[in-house]
Amino acid sequence: MACHFKCDEPKDWRRDCHGANMYILAGMSMWQQRRLYQFYYTLQKQYYMMIQQVLFSVGPFVRGFHLITRDVMRQLPVLPPTGLLNLFVQHTSCALTINENCDPDVRHDLKGIMERIVPDGDPNYRHQDEGPTDMSAHAKSSIVGTSINVPIVDGHLALGTWQGLYLCEFREQGGARRIVATIMG
C-alpha cells in the first residue's frame, strides 16, 4: 500500500509508533493508523526542534554576588517569541539567583548574610579538603540553588525592572564557571 502523504517515516512505521496506544491502533484501519502516526511524528519533530542548549563560561570572579545578565545575553541565540530559559551552573561551590540589579549595596549585604548564615571554617564541618571555604561553599550553593528559570515574553527575558541574573561565588577564587543555558519555546 503506497503512502499518499508526504512524510519521512521509517519502513515499518507501526513498530516505531511508541507514543500511540496499541489498543487504539488495533481497532483502526491501516489508513487511520498511518494518519495517526504522521500526526504523532510531526508533533515529535516539532517538540524536539523547540529546545536549544548553549554551554558557556563566566568569570573567574572573587567571592561575592556578581551580576551576569549581560554576559548571559551575549551567549544566547535569538530567543523565541515565548518560552522559558533555564540556566544551570555545573559547579557545587557557587550558585545562580535573580535579585536587584541597581544598588550595589544589595550585593554587599547578600554576601554578608550568607557569611553569617553559613560561616567558613566551622570545626564541626568534616569536609574541608580544599580549605576553610570548602564545606561552607557547598552548603551555600545548596541553599541558593544551582539553577534558575526565566520566562521569555516577546523574544526577551521577562525580568522585572530592577531584576538581574547573578552568579554567587562562594570561594575566594573559584575560577571560570560553566553554565548550561536551555531555551524552550
C-alpha atoms as a PDB file:
ATOM      1  CA  MET A   1       0.000   0.000   0.000  1.00  0.00           C
ATOM      2  CA  ALA A   2       1.513   3.328  -1.060  1.00  0.00           C
ATOM      3  CA  CYS A   3       1.663   6.286   1.260  1.00  0.00           C
ATOM      4  CA  HIS A   4      -0.421   9.173  -0.118  1.00  0.00           C
ATOM      5  CA  PHE A   5       1.072  11.648   2.320  1.00  0.00           C
ATOM      6  CA  LYS A   6       4.478  13.254   2.181  1.00  0.00           C
ATOM      7  CA  CYS A   7       6.328  12.054   5.263  1.00  0.00           C
ATOM      8  CA  ASP A   8       9.720  10.841   6.459  1.00  0.00           C
ATOM      9  CA  GLU A   9       8.504   7.660   8.092  1.00  0.00           C
ATOM     10  CA  PRO A  10      10.595   4.547   8.714  1.00  0.00           C
ATOM     11  CA  LYS A  11       9.854   1.386   6.697  1.00  0.00           C
ATOM     12  CA  ASP A  12       7.957  -0.355   9.484  1.00  0.00           C
ATOM     13  CA  TRP A  13       6.223   2.690  10.928  1.00  0.00           C
ATOM     14  CA  ARG A  14       3.883   0.649  13.184  1.00  0.00           C
ATOM     15  CA  ARG A  15       6.801  -0.748  15.187  1.00  0.00           C
ATOM     16  CA  ASP A  16       8.236   2.784  15.662  1.00  0.00           C
ATOM     17  CA  CYS A  17       4.969   4.323  16.909  1.00  0.00           C
ATOM     18  CA  HIS A  18       6.000   4.302  20.594  1.00  0.00           C
ATOM     19  CA  GLY A  19       3.690   7.116  21.672  1.00  0.00           C
ATOM     20  CA  ALA A  20       0.461   5.680  20.218  1.00  0.00           C
ATOM     21  CA  ASN A  21      -1.603   3.320  22.335  1.00  0.00           C
ATOM     22  CA  MET A  22      -1.503  -0.105  20.657  1.00  0.00           C
ATOM     23  CA  TYR A  23      -5.089  -0.848  21.761  1.00  0.00           C
ATOM     24  CA  ILE A  24      -6.285   2.165  19.815  1.00  0.00           C
ATOM     25  CA  LEU A  25      -4.251   1.092  16.772  1.00  0.00           C
ATOM     26  CA  ALA A  26      -5.798  -2.400  16.824  1.00  0.00           C
ATOM     27  CA  GLY A  27      -9.262  -1.028  16.063  1.00  0.00           C
ATOM     28  CA  MET A  28      -8.134   1.285  13.260  1.00  0.00           C
ATOM     29  CA  SER A  29      -7.764   0.747   9.557  1.00  0.00           C
ATOM     30  CA  MET A  30      -4.277   0.828   8.069  1.00  0.00           C
ATOM     31  CA  TRP A  31      -5.021   4.289   6.634  1.00  0.00           C
ATOM     32  CA  GLN A  32      -6.143   5.624  10.046  1.00  0.00           C
ATOM     33  CA  GLN A  33      -3.070   4.158  11.734  1.00  0.00           C
ATOM     34  CA  ARG A  34      -0.818   5.824   9.164  1.00  0.00           C
ATOM     35  CA  ARG A  35      -2.536   9.199   9.693  1.00  0.00           C
ATOM     36  CA  LEU A  36      -2.183   8.863  13.473  1.00  0.00           C
ATOM     37  CA  TYR A  37       1.488   8.035  13.123  1.00  0.00           C
ATOM     38  CA  GLN A  38       2.053  11.018  10.824  1.00  0.00           C
ATOM     39  CA  PHE A  39       0.375  13.292  13.382  1.00  0.00           C
ATOM     40  CA  TYR A  40       2.468  11.807  16.224  1.00  0.00           C
ATOM     41  CA  TYR A  41       5.678  12.013  14.186  1.00  0.00           C
ATOM     42  CA  THR A  42       5.030  15.676  13.270  1.00  0.00           C
ATOM     43  CA  LEU A  43       4.407  16.598  16.919  1.00  0.00           C
ATOM     44  CA  GLN A  44       7.548  14.762  17.984  1.00  0.00           C
ATOM     45  CA  LYS A  45       9.710  16.591  15.411  1.00  0.00           C
ATOM     46  CA  GLN A  46       8.257  19.972  16.401  1.00  0.00           C
ATOM     47  CA  TYR A  47       8.817  19.282  20.095  1.00  0.00           C
ATOM     48  CA  TYR A  48      12.487  18.455  19.669  1.00  0.00           C
ATOM     49  CA  MET A  49      13.153  21.450  17.449  1.00  0.00           C
ATOM     50  CA  MET A  50      11.880  23.799  20.165  1.00  0.00           C
ATOM     51  CA  ILE A  51      14.733  23.105  22.606  1.00  0.00           C
ATOM     52  CA  GLN A  52      18.205  24.632  22.231  1.00  0.00           C
ATOM     53  CA  GLN A  53      21.201  24.417  24.549  1.00  0.00           C
ATOM     54  CA  VAL A  54      24.280  26.580  24.881  1.00  0.00           C
ATOM     55  CA  LEU A  55      27.269  25.878  27.143  1.00  0.00           C
ATOM     56  CA  PHE A  56      29.448  28.835  28.118  1.00  0.00           C
ATOM     57  CA  SER A  57      31.690  30.090  30.917  1.00  0.00           C
ATOM     58  CA  VAL A  58      31.664  33.244  33.034  1.00  0.00           C
ATOM     59  CA  GLY A  59      34.292  34.596  35.375  1.00  0.00           C
ATOM     60  CA  PRO A  60      36.540  33.945  37.151  1.00  0.00           C
ATOM     61  CA  PHE A  61      35.135  36.024  39.971  1.00  0.00           C
ATOM     62  CA  VAL A  62      36.233  36.745  43.514  1.00  0.00           C
ATOM     63  CA  ARG A  63      33.925  35.740  46.344  1.00  0.00           C
ATOM     64  CA  GLY A  64      30.607  37.586  46.216  1.00  0.00           C
ATOM     65  CA  PHE A  65      27.471  38.173  44.174  1.00  0.00           C
ATOM     66  CA  HIS A  66      28.209  39.097  40.550  1.00  0.00           C
ATOM     67  CA  LEU A  67      25.729  40.494  38.025  1.00  0.00           C
ATOM     68  CA  ILE A  68      25.991  38.350  34.865  1.00  0.00           C
ATOM     69  CA  THR A  69      22.865  39.353  32.900  1.00  0.00           C
ATOM     70  CA  ARG A  70      24.850  40.910  30.028  1.00  0.00           C
ATOM     71  CA  ASP A  71      27.343  38.025  29.943  1.00  0.00           C
ATOM     72  CA  VAL A  72      24.490  35.534  29.657  1.00  0.00           C
ATOM     73  CA  MET A  73      22.613  37.521  26.994  1.00  0.00           C
ATOM     74  CA  ARG A  74      25.768  37.726  24.829  1.00  0.00           C
ATOM     75  CA  GLN A  75      25.970  33.927  24.787  1.00  0.00           C
ATOM     76  CA  LEU A  76      22.340  33.190  23.891  1.00  0.00           C
ATOM     77  CA  PRO A  77      20.952  32.757  20.375  1.00  0.00           C
ATOM     78  CA  VAL A  78      17.907  34.742  19.280  1.00  0.00           C
ATOM     79  CA  LEU A  79      15.163  33.937  21.786  1.00  0.00           C
ATOM     80  CA  PRO A  80      11.780  32.553  20.677  1.00  0.00           C
ATOM     81  CA  PRO A  81       8.671  34.757  20.995  1.00  0.00           C
ATOM     82  CA  THR A  82       7.520  32.834  24.085  1.00  0.00           C
ATOM     83  CA  GLY A  83       9.193  30.203  26.194  1.00  0.00           C
ATOM     84  CA  LEU A  84      11.432  29.549  29.143  1.00  0.00           C
ATOM     85  CA  LEU A  85      15.154  29.919  29.782  1.00  0.00           C
ATOM     86  CA  ASN A  86      16.754  27.564  32.288  1.00  0.00           C
ATOM     87  CA  LEU A  87      20.276  28.368  33.491  1.00  0.00           C
ATOM     88  CA  PHE A  88      22.237  25.678  35.337  1.00  0.00           C
ATOM     89  CA  VAL A  89      25.735  26.150  36.782  1.00  0.00           C
ATOM     90  CA  GLN A  90      27.849  22.978  36.691  1.00  0.00           C
ATOM     91  CA  HIS A  91      29.641  23.516  39.999  1.00  0.00           C
ATOM     92  CA  THR A  92      28.978  22.781  43.684  1.00  0.00           C
ATOM     93  CA  SER A  93      30.568  25.852  45.255  1.00  0.00           C
ATOM     94  CA  CYS A  94      28.643  28.623  43.520  1.00  0.00           C
ATOM     95  CA  ALA A  95      25.001  29.340  42.696  1.00  0.00           C
ATOM     96  CA  LEU A  96      22.645  31.306  40.478  1.00  0.00           C
ATOM     97  CA  THR A  97      19.931  33.691  41.594  1.00  0.00           C
ATOM     98  CA  ILE A  98      17.782  36.609  40.462  1.00  0.00           C
ATOM     99  CA  ASN A  99      17.873  39.757  42.550  1.00  0.00           C
ATOM    100  CA  GLU A 100      18.009  43.533  42.429  1.00  0.00           C
ATOM    101  CA  ASN A 101      20.470  44.846  39.851  1.00  0.00           C
ATOM    102  CA  CYS A 102      20.557  48.573  40.639  1.00  0.00           C
ATOM    103  CA  ASP A 103      22.014  49.205  44.095  1.00  0.00           C
ATOM    104  CA  PRO A 104      25.479  47.623  44.645  1.00  0.00           C
ATOM    105  CA  ASP A 105      24.781  47.581  48.398  1.00  0.00           C
ATOM    106  CA  VAL A 106      22.417  44.656  47.764  1.00  0.00           C
ATOM    107  CA  ARG A 107      25.362  42.535  46.592  1.00  0.00           C
ATOM    108  CA  HIS A 108      27.410  43.523  49.644  1.00  0.00           C
ATOM    109  CA  ASP A 109      24.516  42.754  52.002  1.00  0.00           C
ATOM    110  CA  LEU A 110      23.769  39.385  50.381  1.00  0.00           C
ATOM    111  CA  LYS A 111      27.411  38.357  50.777  1.00  0.00           C
ATOM    112  CA  GLY A 112      27.308  39.340  54.468  1.00  0.00           C
ATOM    113  CA  ILE A 113      24.040  37.488  55.050  1.00  0.00           C
ATOM    114  CA  MET A 114      25.421  34.285  53.524  1.00  0.00           C
ATOM    115  CA  GLU A 115      28.605  34.546  55.612  1.00  0.00           C
ATOM    116  CA  ARG A 116      26.517  34.866  58.789  1.00  0.00           C
ATOM    117  CA  ILE A 117      24.155  32.012  57.877  1.00  0.00           C
ATOM    118  CA  VAL A 118      26.945  29.597  56.910  1.00  0.00           C
ATOM    119  CA  PRO A 119      30.311  30.654  58.408  1.00  0.00           C
ATOM    120  CA  ASP A 120      33.602  29.425  56.940  1.00  0.00           C
ATOM    121  CA  GLY A 121      35.887  27.023  58.799  1.00  0.00           C
ATOM    122  CA  ASP A 122      33.376  25.749  61.345  1.00  0.00           C
ATOM    123  CA  PRO A 123      35.208  22.988  63.289  1.00  0.00           C
ATOM    124  CA  ASN A 124      32.070  20.841  63.068  1.00  0.00           C
ATOM    125  CA  TYR A 125      32.478  20.542  59.277  1.00  0.00           C
ATOM    126  CA  ARG A 126      34.053  17.225  58.341  1.00  0.00           C
ATOM    127  CA  HIS A 127      34.540  18.072  54.673  1.00  0.00           C
ATOM    128  CA  GLN A 128      37.323  20.662  54.425  1.00  0.00           C
ATOM    129  CA  ASP A 129      39.526  19.043  51.775  1.00  0.00           C
ATOM    130  CA  GLU A 130      40.010  22.310  49.889  1.00  0.00           C
ATOM    131  CA  GLY A 131      40.313  24.642  52.859  1.00  0.00           C
ATOM    132  CA  PRO A 132      38.011  26.521  55.233  1.00  0.00           C
ATOM    133  CA  THR A 133      35.601  27.661  52.474  1.00  0.00           C
ATOM    134  CA  ASP A 134      35.069  24.125  51.135  1.00  0.00           C
ATOM    135  CA  MET A 135      32.031  22.874  53.062  1.00  0.00           C
ATOM    136  CA  SER A 136      30.547  26.312  53.589  1.00  0.00           C
ATOM    137  CA  ALA A 137      30.626  26.902  49.810  1.00  0.00           C
ATOM    138  CA  HIS A 138      28.786  23.613  49.192  1.00  0.00           C
ATOM    139  CA  ALA A 139      26.151  24.458  51.811  1.00  0.00           C
ATOM    140  CA  LYS A 140      25.589  27.968  50.398  1.00  0.00           C
ATOM    141  CA  SER A 141      25.277  26.506  46.901  1.00  0.00           C
ATOM    142  CA  SER A 142      22.575  24.132  48.170  1.00  0.00           C
ATOM    143  CA  ILE A 143      20.713  26.928  49.948  1.00  0.00           C
ATOM    144  CA  VAL A 144      20.690  29.348  46.987  1.00  0.00           C
ATOM    145  CA  GLY A 145      20.478  26.750  44.191  1.00  0.00           C
ATOM    146  CA  THR A 146      22.324  25.874  41.018  1.00  0.00           C
ATOM    147  CA  SER A 147      19.589  26.703  38.503  1.00  0.00           C
ATOM    148  CA  ILE A 148      17.033  29.385  37.711  1.00  0.00           C
ATOM    149  CA  ASN A 149      14.156  29.702  35.254  1.00  0.00           C
ATOM    150  CA  VAL A 150      13.229  32.924  33.479  1.00  0.00           C
ATOM    151  CA  PRO A 151      10.128  33.282  31.271  1.00  0.00           C
ATOM    152  CA  ILE A 152      10.616  34.524  27.712  1.00  0.00           C
ATOM    153  CA  VAL A 153       7.983  37.036  26.564  1.00  0.00           C
ATOM    154  CA  ASP A 154       8.018  38.733  23.143  1.00  0.00           C
ATOM    155  CA  GLY A 155      11.523  37.385  22.487  1.00  0.00           C
ATOM    156  CA  HIS A 156      13.028  38.907  25.665  1.00  0.00           C
ATOM    157  CA  LEU A 157      13.722  37.679  29.181  1.00  0.00           C
ATOM    158  CA  ALA A 158      10.775  38.681  31.359  1.00  0.00           C
ATOM    159  CA  LEU A 159      12.907  40.079  34.168  1.00  0.00           C
ATOM    160  CA  GLY A 160      11.389  42.805  36.310  1.00  0.00           C
ATOM    161  CA  THR A 161      12.583  46.412  36.102  1.00  0.00           C
ATOM    162  CA  TRP A 162      15.196  46.006  38.835  1.00  0.00           C
ATOM    163  CA  GLN A 163      15.994  42.320  38.383  1.00  0.00           C
ATOM    164  CA  GLY A 164      19.265  40.835  37.179  1.00  0.00           C
ATOM    165  CA  LEU A 165      20.909  37.429  36.902  1.00  0.00           C
ATOM    166  CA  TYR A 166      23.617  36.752  39.479  1.00  0.00           C
ATOM    167  CA  LEU A 167      26.412  34.254  39.851  1.00  0.00           C
ATOM    168  CA  CYS A 168      27.026  33.762  43.565  1.00  0.00           C
ATOM    169  CA  GLU A 169      30.683  32.835  44.055  1.00  0.00           C
ATOM    170  CA  PHE A 170      31.303  31.240  47.441  1.00  0.00           C
ATOM    171  CA  ARG A 171      35.062  30.623  47.057  1.00  0.00           C
ATOM    172  CA  GLU A 172      37.846  33.187  47.285  1.00  0.00           C
ATOM    173  CA  GLN A 173      38.973  32.245  43.765  1.00  0.00           C
ATOM    174  CA  GLY A 174      36.514  29.837  42.181  1.00  0.00           C
ATOM    175  CA  GLY A 175      37.800  30.002  38.611  1.00  0.00           C
ATOM    176  CA  ALA A 176      35.671  30.201  35.482  1.00  0.00           C
ATOM    177  CA  ARG A 177      32.179  28.761  35.965  1.00  0.00           C
ATOM    178  CA  ARG A 178      30.400  26.701  33.295  1.00  0.00           C
ATOM    179  CA  ILE A 179      26.726  27.425  32.696  1.00  0.00           C
ATOM    180  CA  VAL A 180      24.288  25.404  30.590  1.00  0.00           C
ATOM    181  CA  ALA A 181      21.509  27.524  29.073  1.00  0.00           C
ATOM    182  CA  THR A 182      18.454  25.592  27.889  1.00  0.00           C
ATOM    183  CA  ILE A 183      15.958  27.551  25.813  1.00  0.00           C
ATOM    184  CA  MET A 184      12.483  26.055  25.442  1.00  0.00           C
ATOM    185  CA  GLY A 185       9.950  27.727  23.223  1.00  0.00           C
END
